[in-house]
Amino acid sequence: RRFGSKTVLNDVSLAAPRGSVFGLVGENGAGKTTLVKHILGLLRAEAGSVRVFGMDPVADPVSVLGRIGYLSEQPDLPGWMRVDELIRYTQAFYPKWDAAYAEEMREQFGLDPAARVRVLSKGQRAKLGLLAAQAHRPDLLLLDEPSSGLDPIRFETQQHKPPMVPGALTVTGTGREWTIICNYEQIELPAITAKLGASIVDEHEASLNDIFVANA
């Protein structure tokens, strides 16, 4: 992918199988968000192809986007709405919305249902965005630089399945931005995988532990 004379994505090849968690690590402007936009069908590939669930997200956006949960770096949430109003509004777009799951997340995140979105802290808005991205139980979850609002992100295994990403993962800052791609299907808590896909900057694969421990 090129923007003018600048090449942002060059020969990127990535496959996220069922039950996997991928991290894309790179400097600011490396192309992580651009890649996510291709997955969401917001950009058309200039060469090669993008297939999500075997479908072209540009040609068939309704079928693809209904199965995706997406949290952007800065969730664009209407400030005039109350938390409970935003949850009900988002629910209307997803036939498979799980209201009980949404309420469980709201309570775990400590979000006041009567609070206006505009008075929420950055972290609270990120949590509300995560709730909205997950309550319809998507097959694919995209978290674009989530550490900007949740620092650090903690996906902690508890006695019950936590109403967040199904797994145990704690990530601390390393001076790099990162994007997480989770393919939900067939994930089991004790056996969750965490892997770096082909890094846009470093052009190699590694485990999350290798990357974050090496840069700690």
Protein backbone atom coordinates (compact mmCIF):
# COMPACT_ATOMS: atom_id res chain seq x y z
CA ARG A 1 0.00 0.00 0.00
CA ARG A 2 1.37 3.40 -0.98
CA PHE A 3 0.34 6.91 -0.01
CA GLY A 4 1.97 9.20 -2.52
CA SER A 5 5.66 8.34 -2.62
CA LYS A 6 5.58 6.54 0.75
CA THR A 7 5.22 2.76 0.90
CA VAL A 8 3.28 1.86 4.05
CA LEU A 9 2.56 -1.84 3.49
CA ASN A 10 5.01 -3.82 1.38
CA ASP A 11 4.44 -7.51 0.66
CA VAL A 12 2.53 -8.14 3.91
CA SER A 13 1.31 -11.70 4.34
CA LEU A 14 -0.68 -12.62 7.45
CA ALA A 15 -3.06 -15.45 8.28
CA ALA A 16 -4.82 -15.60 11.67
CA PRO A 17 -6.17 -19.15 12.19
CA ARG A 18 -9.02 -19.95 14.54
CA GLY A 19 -8.14 -19.78 18.20
CA SER A 20 -5.14 -17.49 17.73
CA VAL A 21 -4.02 -14.17 19.19
CA PHE A 22 -1.68 -12.08 17.05
CA GLY A 23 0.21 -8.92 17.91
CA LEU A 24 1.47 -6.45 15.32
CA VAL A 25 4.40 -4.46 16.69
CA GLY A 26 5.89 -1.42 15.03
CA GLU A 27 6.80 2.22 15.40
CA ASN A 28 4.15 4.91 15.05
CA GLY A 29 3.27 5.24 11.38
CA ALA A 30 4.60 1.79 10.47
CA GLY A 31 1.29 0.74 8.94
CA LYS A 32 -0.48 -1.22 11.67
CA THR A 33 -3.69 0.82 11.48
CA THR A 34 -3.54 0.77 7.68
CA LEU A 35 -3.45 -3.03 7.77
CA VAL A 36 -6.42 -3.09 10.16
CA LYS A 37 -8.34 -0.78 7.79
CA HIS A 38 -7.77 -3.30 5.00
CA ILE A 39 -9.15 -6.07 7.22
CA LEU A 40 -12.21 -3.92 7.99
CA GLY A 41 -12.73 -3.18 4.29
CA LEU A 42 -12.16 0.55 4.74
CA LEU A 43 -9.29 0.40 2.24
CA ARG A 44 -9.06 -1.68 -0.92
CA ALA A 45 -5.81 -3.59 -1.45
CA GLU A 46 -3.76 -2.17 -4.31
CA ALA A 47 -2.18 -5.58 -4.90
CA GLY A 48 -2.94 -9.05 -3.58
CA SER A 49 -6.14 -9.75 -1.69
CA VAL A 50 -7.72 -9.60 1.76
CA ARG A 51 -10.13 -12.30 2.88
CA VAL A 52 -11.91 -12.36 6.23
CA PHE A 53 -13.92 -15.52 6.95
CA GLY A 54 -13.24 -16.35 3.29
CA MET A 55 -14.98 -13.16 2.12
CA ASP A 56 -13.84 -9.87 0.63
CA PRO A 57 -14.54 -7.19 3.29
CA VAL A 58 -14.83 -4.51 0.60
CA ALA A 59 -17.30 -6.44 -1.56
CA ASP A 60 -19.34 -7.93 1.30
CA PRO A 61 -19.01 -5.54 4.27
CA VAL A 62 -22.29 -6.47 5.99
CA SER A 63 -21.46 -10.16 6.26
CA VAL A 64 -17.90 -9.47 7.40
CA LEU A 65 -18.34 -6.54 9.79
CA GLY A 66 -21.22 -8.21 11.64
CA ARG A 67 -18.74 -10.82 12.84
CA ILE A 68 -15.94 -8.41 13.81
CA GLY A 69 -15.38 -6.44 17.01
CA TYR A 70 -13.16 -3.37 16.64
CA LEU A 71 -11.63 -1.01 19.18
CA SER A 72 -9.75 1.95 17.72
CA GLU A 73 -6.92 3.83 19.41
CA GLN A 74 -9.31 6.69 20.22
CA PRO A 75 -12.89 5.38 20.33
CA ASP A 76 -15.21 7.91 18.70
CA LEU A 77 -18.12 7.72 21.13
CA PRO A 78 -20.94 10.30 21.25
CA GLY A 79 -20.27 12.41 24.33
CA TRP A 80 -23.90 13.43 24.87
CA MET A 81 -25.06 9.85 25.40
CA ARG A 82 -25.20 8.10 28.75
CA VAL A 83 -23.35 4.82 29.13
CA ASP A 84 -26.54 2.74 29.18
CA GLU A 85 -27.92 4.64 26.17
CA LEU A 86 -24.79 3.94 24.14
CA ILE A 87 -24.97 0.25 25.04
CA ARG A 88 -28.61 0.03 23.92
CA TYR A 89 -27.84 2.01 20.75
CA THR A 90 -24.96 -0.31 19.80
CA GLN A 91 -27.08 -3.37 20.58
CA ALA A 92 -29.51 -2.40 17.81
CA PHE A 93 -26.85 -3.10 15.17
CA TYR A 94 -26.07 -6.65 16.30
CA PRO A 95 -28.74 -9.38 16.26
CA LYS A 96 -26.45 -11.64 18.34
CA TRP A 97 -25.86 -9.04 21.06
CA ASP A 98 -25.55 -10.65 24.50
CA ALA A 99 -27.16 -8.22 26.95
CA ALA A 100 -26.14 -10.23 30.02
CA TYR A 101 -22.54 -10.32 28.80
CA ALA A 102 -22.60 -6.56 28.21
CA GLU A 103 -23.90 -5.94 31.73
CA GLU A 104 -21.24 -8.24 33.18
CA MET A 105 -18.53 -6.23 31.43
CA ARG A 106 -20.07 -2.92 32.48
CA GLU A 107 -19.98 -3.98 36.12
CA GLN A 108 -16.46 -5.39 35.89
CA PHE A 109 -15.23 -2.19 34.25
CA GLY A 110 -16.92 -0.05 36.91
CA LEU A 111 -18.88 2.04 34.38
CA ASP A 112 -21.76 4.09 35.79
CA PRO A 113 -24.75 3.47 33.49
CA ALA A 114 -26.05 7.01 34.10
CA ALA A 115 -22.74 8.76 33.36
CA ARG A 116 -22.40 10.88 30.22
CA VAL A 117 -19.70 9.60 27.89
CA ARG A 118 -18.11 13.07 27.79
CA VAL A 119 -17.29 12.95 31.52
CA LEU A 120 -15.58 9.55 31.34
CA SER A 121 -11.81 9.36 31.62
CA LYS A 122 -9.76 8.15 28.67
CA GLY A 123 -9.43 4.75 30.28
CA GLN A 124 -13.17 4.53 30.96
CA ARG A 125 -13.96 5.42 27.35
CA ALA A 126 -11.56 2.70 26.21
CA LYS A 127 -13.34 0.19 28.45
CA LEU A 128 -16.73 1.28 27.10
CA GLY A 129 -15.39 0.90 23.58
CA LEU A 130 -14.12 -2.57 24.44
CA LEU A 131 -17.55 -3.49 25.80
CA ALA A 132 -19.21 -2.29 22.60
CA ALA A 133 -16.70 -4.26 20.52
CA GLN A 134 -17.24 -7.51 22.38
CA ALA A 135 -20.84 -7.79 23.58
CA HIS A 136 -22.02 -9.32 20.30
CA ARG A 137 -19.37 -12.03 20.83
CA PRO A 138 -17.52 -11.47 17.55
CA ASP A 139 -15.60 -14.17 15.74
CA LEU A 140 -12.71 -11.75 15.22
CA LEU A 141 -11.58 -8.96 17.56
CA LEU A 142 -9.29 -6.13 16.44
CA LEU A 143 -7.72 -3.90 19.11
CA ASP A 144 -5.82 -1.03 17.50
CA GLU A 145 -3.19 0.32 19.92
CA PRO A 146 -5.36 -0.38 22.98
CA SER A 147 -2.56 0.51 25.41
CA SER A 148 -3.21 4.20 24.69
CA GLY A 149 -6.33 3.96 26.84
CA LEU A 150 -5.70 0.89 28.98
CA ASP A 151 -2.25 1.06 30.56
CA PRO A 152 -1.38 -1.67 31.19
CA ILE A 153 -3.95 -3.98 29.67
CA ARG A 154 -4.54 -6.94 31.92
CA PHE A 155 -6.43 -9.96 30.66
CA GLU A 156 -6.28 -11.96 33.87
CA THR A 157 -7.50 -15.50 34.28
CA GLN A 158 -9.95 -15.76 37.17
CA GLN A 159 -12.11 -18.58 38.51
CA HIS A 160 -14.66 -17.82 35.83
CA LYS A 161 -14.23 -16.81 32.22
CA PRO A 162 -13.52 -13.06 32.30
CA PRO A 163 -15.79 -10.87 30.18
CA MET A 164 -12.86 -9.67 28.09
CA VAL A 165 -10.46 -11.46 25.79
CA PRO A 166 -10.63 -15.17 26.73
CA GLY A 167 -7.13 -15.75 28.03
CA ALA A 168 -4.39 -14.70 30.38
CA LEU A 169 -2.14 -11.95 29.05
CA THR A 170 -0.44 -9.05 30.77
CA VAL A 171 1.45 -6.55 28.61
CA THR A 172 3.47 -3.60 29.87
CA GLY A 173 4.87 -0.70 27.90
CA THR A 174 7.96 -1.18 25.75
CA GLY A 175 8.20 2.12 23.92
CA ARG A 176 6.45 0.64 20.90
CA GLU A 177 2.85 0.76 19.83
CA TRP A 178 1.06 -2.52 19.24
CA THR A 179 -2.11 -3.95 17.77
CA ILE A 180 -3.80 -7.16 18.87
CA ILE A 181 -5.81 -9.41 16.57
CA CYS A 182 -7.84 -12.14 18.30
CA ASN A 183 -9.65 -14.90 16.43
CA TYR A 184 -12.11 -16.17 19.03
CA GLU A 185 -13.32 -19.46 17.66
CA GLN A 186 -12.24 -22.59 19.54
CA ILE A 187 -10.10 -20.73 22.11
CA GLU A 188 -9.69 -22.47 25.47
CA LEU A 189 -8.45 -20.54 28.49
CA PRO A 190 -5.58 -22.85 29.53
CA ALA A 191 -4.29 -23.18 25.99
CA ILE A 192 -4.51 -19.62 24.65
CA THR A 193 -1.77 -18.70 22.21
CA ALA A 194 -0.07 -15.33 21.95
CA LYS A 195 2.06 -14.70 18.90
CA LEU A 196 3.53 -11.85 16.91
CA GLY A 197 2.54 -11.94 13.28
CA ALA A 198 5.02 -10.76 10.68
CA SER A 199 6.10 -7.45 12.19
CA ILE A 200 5.63 -4.58 9.76
CA VAL A 201 8.88 -3.03 10.96
CA ASP A 202 11.11 -5.98 11.85
CA GLU A 203 9.72 -8.42 9.28
CA HIS A 204 9.90 -11.50 11.47
CA GLU A 205 7.71 -13.67 13.66
CA ALA A 206 8.23 -14.14 17.38
CA SER A 207 6.34 -14.83 20.56
CA LEU A 208 4.94 -11.99 22.65
CA ASN A 209 7.28 -13.04 25.44
CA ASP A 210 10.30 -12.75 23.14
CA ILE A 211 9.37 -9.24 22.05
CA PHE A 212 8.23 -7.73 25.33
CA VAL A 213 10.87 -9.33 27.56
CA ALA A 214 13.62 -8.34 25.15
CA ASN A 215 12.42 -4.73 25.19
CA ALA A 216 11.59 -4.49 28.90
